[in-house]
Amino acid sequence: KLSSQTKGFKKIAIASIHKLIRTIYALIINDQPYDYNVATHNQKDFSRN
């Protein structure tokens, strides 16, 4: 049986990979290059909320 800590880690890992896949998909569909500066700027704005 898996411990609750292991289950939590799996959920977090799956959610992170899902977000990465959605981001990559959006970049490809919209024909946009990945820009690290834009990503870090957006992350700072997101963390303020």
C-alpha atoms as a PDB file:
ATOM      1  CA  LYS A   1       0.000   0.000   0.000  1.00  0.00           C
ATOM      2  CA  LEU A   2       1.199   3.529  -0.780  1.00  0.00           C
ATOM      3  CA  SER A   3       1.624   6.026   2.015  1.00  0.00           C
ATOM      4  CA  SER A   4      -0.316   9.277   1.857  1.00  0.00           C
ATOM      5  CA  GLN A   5       2.976  11.125   1.356  1.00  0.00           C
ATOM      6  CA  THR A   6       3.748   9.047  -1.762  1.00  0.00           C
ATOM      7  CA  LYS A   7       0.250   9.646  -3.132  1.00  0.00           C
ATOM      8  CA  GLY A   8       0.677  13.387  -2.594  1.00  0.00           C
ATOM      9  CA  PHE A   9       3.993  13.391  -4.406  1.00  0.00           C
ATOM     10  CA  LYS A  10       2.485  11.521  -7.356  1.00  0.00           C
ATOM     11  CA  LYS A  11      -0.374  14.020  -7.632  1.00  0.00           C
ATOM     12  CA  ILE A  12       2.049  16.940  -7.573  1.00  0.00           C
ATOM     13  CA  ALA A  13       4.310  15.308 -10.167  1.00  0.00           C
ATOM     14  CA  ILE A  14       1.399  14.530 -12.491  1.00  0.00           C
ATOM     15  CA  ALA A  15      -0.002  18.061 -12.157  1.00  0.00           C
ATOM     16  CA  SER A  16       3.404  19.591 -12.915  1.00  0.00           C
ATOM     17  CA  ILE A  17       3.925  17.457 -16.009  1.00  0.00           C
ATOM     18  CA  HIS A  18       0.375  18.231 -17.156  1.00  0.00           C
ATOM     19  CA  LYS A  19       1.039  21.972 -16.875  1.00  0.00           C
ATOM     20  CA  LEU A  20       4.332  21.602 -18.762  1.00  0.00           C
ATOM     21  CA  ILE A  21       2.608  19.689 -21.572  1.00  0.00           C
ATOM     22  CA  ARG A  22      -0.148  22.323 -21.812  1.00  0.00           C
ATOM     23  CA  THR A  23       2.456  25.092 -21.967  1.00  0.00           C
ATOM     24  CA  ILE A  24       4.474  23.350 -24.683  1.00  0.00           C
ATOM     25  CA  TYR A  25       1.281  22.620 -26.635  1.00  0.00           C
ATOM     26  CA  ALA A  26       0.176  26.280 -26.455  1.00  0.00           C
ATOM     27  CA  LEU A  27       3.590  27.471 -27.650  1.00  0.00           C
ATOM     28  CA  ILE A  28       3.494  25.081 -30.609  1.00  0.00           C
ATOM     29  CA  ILE A  29      -0.124  25.850 -31.574  1.00  0.00           C
ATOM     30  CA  ASN A  30       0.465  29.622 -31.392  1.00  0.00           C
ATOM     31  CA  ASP A  31       3.865  29.339 -33.120  1.00  0.00           C
ATOM     32  CA  GLN A  32       5.606  31.190 -30.289  1.00  0.00           C
ATOM     33  CA  PRO A  33       9.208  30.736 -29.179  1.00  0.00           C
ATOM     34  CA  TYR A  34       9.831  30.125 -25.489  1.00  0.00           C
ATOM     35  CA  ASP A  35      11.150  33.280 -23.821  1.00  0.00           C
ATOM     36  CA  TYR A  36      12.641  32.765 -20.365  1.00  0.00           C
ATOM     37  CA  ASN A  37      12.341  36.475 -19.492  1.00  0.00           C
ATOM     38  CA  VAL A  38       8.606  36.491 -20.233  1.00  0.00           C
ATOM     39  CA  ALA A  39       8.131  33.281 -18.255  1.00  0.00           C
ATOM     40  CA  THR A  40       9.939  34.597 -15.171  1.00  0.00           C
ATOM     41  CA  HIS A  41       8.047  37.905 -15.387  1.00  0.00           C
ATOM     42  CA  ASN A  42       4.715  36.049 -15.560  1.00  0.00           C
ATOM     43  CA  GLN A  43       5.732  33.829 -12.640  1.00  0.00           C
ATOM     44  CA  LYS A  44       6.486  36.892 -10.479  1.00  0.00           C
ATOM     45  CA  ASP A  45       3.071  38.371 -11.315  1.00  0.00           C
ATOM     46  CA  PHE A  46       1.371  35.062 -10.532  1.00  0.00           C
ATOM     47  CA  SER A  47       3.045  34.694  -7.136  1.00  0.00           C
ATOM     48  CA  ARG A  48       1.766  38.111  -6.012  1.00  0.00           C
ATOM     49  CA  ASN A  49      -1.877  36.968  -6.123  1.00  0.00           C
END
